Protein backbone atom coordinates (compact mmCIF):
# COMPACT_ATOMS: atom_id res chain seq x y z
CA MET A 1 0.00 0.00 0.00
CA ILE A 2 1.19 3.50 -0.84
CA VAL A 3 -0.01 6.05 1.73
CA ALA A 4 0.43 9.75 1.01
CA LEU A 5 0.12 12.41 3.71
CA LEU A 6 -0.94 15.54 1.89
CA ASN A 7 -2.34 18.96 2.62
CA GLN A 8 -1.68 22.23 0.87
CA LYS A 9 -1.59 23.93 4.26
CA GLY A 10 1.78 23.76 5.99
CA GLY A 11 2.28 23.12 9.68
CA VAL A 12 -0.38 20.43 10.06
CA GLY A 13 2.08 17.69 11.04
CA LYS A 14 2.47 15.70 7.81
CA THR A 15 6.11 14.80 8.46
CA THR A 16 5.52 13.83 12.09
CA LEU A 17 2.67 11.51 11.13
CA ALA A 18 4.56 10.04 8.16
CA LEU A 19 7.61 9.21 10.29
CA HIS A 20 5.54 7.72 13.09
CA LEU A 21 3.40 5.59 10.77
CA ALA A 22 6.59 4.28 9.16
CA GLY A 23 8.15 3.60 12.55
CA GLN A 24 5.08 1.83 13.93
CA TRP A 25 4.89 -0.54 10.98
CA ALA A 26 8.66 -1.07 10.94
CA ARG A 27 8.70 -2.10 14.59
CA GLN A 28 6.19 -4.80 13.66
CA GLY A 29 8.77 -6.25 11.29
CA LYS A 30 7.35 -4.81 8.08
CA PRO A 31 9.79 -3.47 5.43
CA ILE A 32 8.89 0.21 4.99
CA THR A 33 10.11 2.97 2.69
CA LEU A 34 9.36 6.62 3.34
CA ILE A 35 9.52 9.05 0.40
CA ASP A 36 10.36 12.62 1.35
CA ALA A 37 8.56 14.53 -1.41
CA ASP A 38 8.79 17.88 0.41
CA PRO A 39 11.49 20.24 -0.93
CA GLN A 40 12.14 21.25 2.70
CA SER A 41 13.43 17.68 3.29
CA SER A 42 12.35 17.48 6.94
CA ALA A 43 12.11 13.68 6.92
CA LEU A 44 15.58 13.39 5.40
CA ASP A 45 16.90 15.79 8.05
CA TRP A 46 15.33 13.61 10.75
CA SER A 47 16.97 10.52 9.25
CA GLU A 48 20.36 12.23 9.14
CA GLN A 49 19.97 13.34 12.76
CA ARG A 50 19.30 9.73 13.67
CA ALA A 51 22.40 8.57 11.80
CA ARG A 52 24.58 11.20 13.51
CA ARG A 53 23.40 9.93 16.88
CA ARG A 54 24.08 6.34 15.74
CA ILE A 55 20.51 5.24 16.39
CA ASP A 56 19.55 2.07 14.53
CA ARG A 57 17.72 2.65 11.27
CA LEU A 58 14.11 1.47 11.35
CA PHE A 59 13.18 2.19 7.72
CA GLY A 60 14.60 3.76 4.61
CA VAL A 61 14.04 7.43 3.76
CA ILE A 62 14.60 8.60 0.19
CA GLY A 63 14.23 12.05 -1.34
CA LEU A 64 11.92 12.22 -4.35
CA ALA A 65 10.58 15.76 -4.54
CA ARG A 66 9.71 15.79 -8.22
CA ASP A 67 6.59 15.55 -10.30
CA THR A 68 7.51 12.13 -11.73
CA LEU A 69 6.67 10.61 -8.35
CA HIS A 70 3.60 8.81 -9.71
CA ARG A 71 5.79 6.90 -12.15
CA GLU A 72 8.60 6.05 -9.71
CA ALA A 73 6.81 5.34 -6.42
CA PRO A 74 4.79 2.30 -7.65
CA GLU A 75 8.08 0.45 -8.26
CA LEU A 76 8.96 0.58 -4.56
CA PRO A 77 6.26 -1.69 -3.05
CA ARG A 78 8.05 -4.67 -4.58
CA HIS A 79 10.67 -4.14 -1.87
CA ALA A 80 8.41 -2.84 0.93
CA ASP A 81 5.09 -3.75 2.54
CA HIS A 82 4.10 -0.09 2.67
CA VAL A 83 5.43 3.08 1.05
CA ILE A 84 4.67 6.37 2.81
CA ILE A 85 4.86 9.69 0.99
CA ASP A 86 5.52 12.81 3.05
CA GLY A 87 4.05 15.39 0.69
CA PRO A 88 4.80 19.06 0.10
CA PRO A 89 2.66 22.10 0.88
CA ARG A 90 1.65 24.45 -1.91
CA VAL A 91 3.43 22.68 -4.78
CA ALA A 92 0.51 21.69 -7.02
CA ALA A 93 2.50 19.59 -9.53
CA LEU A 94 4.06 17.52 -6.74
CA LEU A 95 0.74 17.12 -4.95
CA ARG A 96 -0.92 15.88 -8.12
CA SER A 97 1.89 13.41 -8.73
CA ALA A 98 1.66 12.11 -5.14
CA LEU A 99 -2.11 11.67 -5.47
CA LEU A 100 -1.68 9.65 -8.66
CA ALA A 101 0.88 7.43 -6.89
CA ALA A 102 -1.16 6.77 -3.74
CA ASP A 103 -3.62 4.05 -2.81
CA LEU A 104 -4.67 6.07 0.24
CA THR A 105 -4.37 9.80 0.91
CA LEU A 106 -4.42 11.00 4.51
CA ILE A 107 -5.20 14.69 4.98
CA PRO A 108 -3.84 15.86 8.34
CA ALA A 109 -5.90 18.73 9.73
CA GLN A 110 -6.08 20.54 13.01
CA PRO A 111 -9.49 21.20 14.52
CA SER A 112 -9.91 24.80 13.38
CA PRO A 113 -11.99 26.57 10.72
CA PHE A 114 -8.80 27.77 9.01
CA ASP A 115 -7.66 24.21 8.37
CA GLY A 116 -11.11 23.35 7.03
CA TRP A 117 -11.00 26.17 4.52
CA ALA A 118 -7.47 25.23 3.38
CA SER A 119 -8.52 21.58 2.98
CA ALA A 120 -11.11 22.55 0.36
CA GLU A 121 -8.27 23.04 -2.13
CA MET A 122 -6.92 19.59 -1.28
CA LEU A 123 -10.33 18.00 -1.82
CA ALA A 124 -10.52 19.59 -5.26
CA LEU A 125 -7.18 18.00 -6.17
CA ILE A 126 -8.41 14.62 -4.92
CA ALA A 127 -11.53 14.90 -7.09
CA GLU A 128 -9.30 15.72 -10.04
CA ALA A 129 -7.03 12.71 -9.32
CA ARG A 130 -10.05 10.38 -9.12
CA VAL A 131 -10.77 11.04 -12.78
CA PHE A 132 -7.64 8.96 -13.44
CA ARG A 133 -7.60 6.90 -10.22
CA PRO A 134 -11.25 6.28 -9.23
CA GLU A 135 -10.12 3.74 -6.60
CA LEU A 136 -8.13 6.38 -4.67
CA LEU A 137 -9.14 6.37 -0.99
CA ALA A 138 -8.94 9.51 1.15
CA ARG A 139 -9.40 10.18 4.86
CA PHE A 140 -8.94 13.13 7.16
CA ILE A 141 -6.77 12.59 10.23
CA LEU A 142 -7.25 15.01 13.11
CA ASN A 143 -3.80 15.96 14.36
CA ARG A 144 -2.43 18.24 17.07
CA CYS A 145 -5.79 18.27 18.77
CA PRO A 146 -6.03 20.27 22.00
CA ALA A 147 -7.04 17.59 24.49
CA ARG A 148 -10.67 17.55 25.68
CA THR A 149 -11.74 20.74 23.92
CA VAL A 150 -15.16 21.47 22.46
CA ILE A 151 -13.76 22.39 19.04
CA ALA A 152 -11.89 19.07 18.74
CA ARG A 153 -15.08 17.13 19.56
CA GLU A 154 -17.19 19.22 17.21
CA THR A 155 -14.68 18.86 14.35
CA ALA A 156 -14.50 15.08 14.80
CA HIS A 157 -18.31 14.88 14.84
CA SER A 158 -18.72 17.05 11.72
CA LEU A 159 -16.17 15.00 9.77
CA ALA A 160 -17.69 11.65 10.73
CA GLU A 161 -20.21 11.90 7.89
CA HIS A 162 -18.03 14.01 5.61
CA ASP A 163 -16.74 12.86 2.23
CA PRO A 164 -13.99 11.91 2.75
CA PRO A 165 -14.61 11.03 6.40
CA ALA A 166 -12.17 11.33 9.27
CA LEU A 167 -10.40 8.35 10.77
CA ALA A 168 -11.58 7.35 14.23
CA ALA A 169 -8.00 7.63 15.49
CA ARG A 170 -6.81 11.12 16.32
CA ILE A 171 -3.53 12.53 17.57
CA ASP A 172 -3.48 15.03 20.42
CA GLN A 173 -1.05 17.92 20.82
CA ARG A 174 1.80 16.54 22.92
CA VAL A 175 5.27 17.86 23.78
CA ILE A 176 6.78 14.38 23.36
CA PHE A 177 6.43 14.64 19.56
CA ALA A 178 8.66 17.73 19.47
CA ASP A 179 11.13 16.16 21.91
CA ALA A 180 11.38 13.03 19.77
CA ALA A 181 11.91 15.02 16.56
CA ARG A 182 14.82 16.94 18.06
CA THR A 183 16.67 13.74 18.86
CA GLY A 184 15.91 11.79 15.68
CA GLN A 185 13.61 9.46 17.58
CA LEU A 186 9.98 8.40 17.60
CA VAL A 187 7.66 8.64 20.59
CA PHE A 188 7.59 4.90 21.25
CA GLU A 189 11.40 4.97 21.56
CA GLN A 190 11.16 7.66 24.22
CA ASP A 191 8.22 6.17 26.13
CA ASP A 192 6.46 3.12 24.76
CA SER A 193 3.71 3.40 27.39
CA SER A 194 2.91 7.03 26.60
CA SER A 195 -0.48 8.22 25.34
CA ALA A 196 1.26 9.46 22.19
CA ALA A 197 2.65 5.99 21.44
CA ARG A 198 -0.80 4.44 21.94
CA GLU A 199 -2.40 7.01 19.62
CA ILE A 200 0.12 6.26 16.88
CA ALA A 201 -0.42 2.50 17.28
CA ALA A 202 -4.19 2.99 16.93
CA LEU A 203 -3.68 5.18 13.85
CA ALA A 204 -1.40 2.63 12.15
CA ALA A 205 -3.83 -0.22 12.86
CA GLU A 206 -6.80 1.73 11.45
CA VAL A 207 -4.89 2.77 8.33
CA GLU A 208 -3.78 -0.80 7.69
CA ARG A 209 -7.38 -2.00 7.83
CA LEU A 210 -8.03 0.26 4.83
CA SER A 211 -5.41 -1.58 2.78
CA PRO A 212 -6.87 -2.53 -0.63
């Protein structure tokens, strides 16, 4: 399965979710490849930070920030159970290419009206991609949610019957994600019993159930 994390809005946590999905599946023994399709190369920077600290590699990270992604990415699943694409913000040609490569598109969004408005552009690109890939699945994933707030509950409720719908799993705003990123780690490596680690495990399990 090729999973792309895409949103034209920056700062919604695409890279964090991509890395943690890859790590969760890799720790289960699955061969995973992560494609860094963002010209900012945050996932590659994380991988290099990990190498500098001599932390064991969990999965491969390759840079492929070009609009031929839809032709090159499908070759990778022969060597991996899952391929994860960490997509770019605001680069329409790259976004379109990632959509054409993906089996499943996850749209990370924070529970705020501003993210909802920005996501409308992403939904238009998905509709365009489905002309060529009618089997393309898409789901919202609520990320960086303020814990136990009315707006988070209301956003989750409103997206439950949306097209595309939101995943049941959601990721709360937690300091441990920033701490892990600084050290080239993942949250389960810092604290496997943490709420963050449990949320990521639930997300990975739900995504895998959508596998075609």
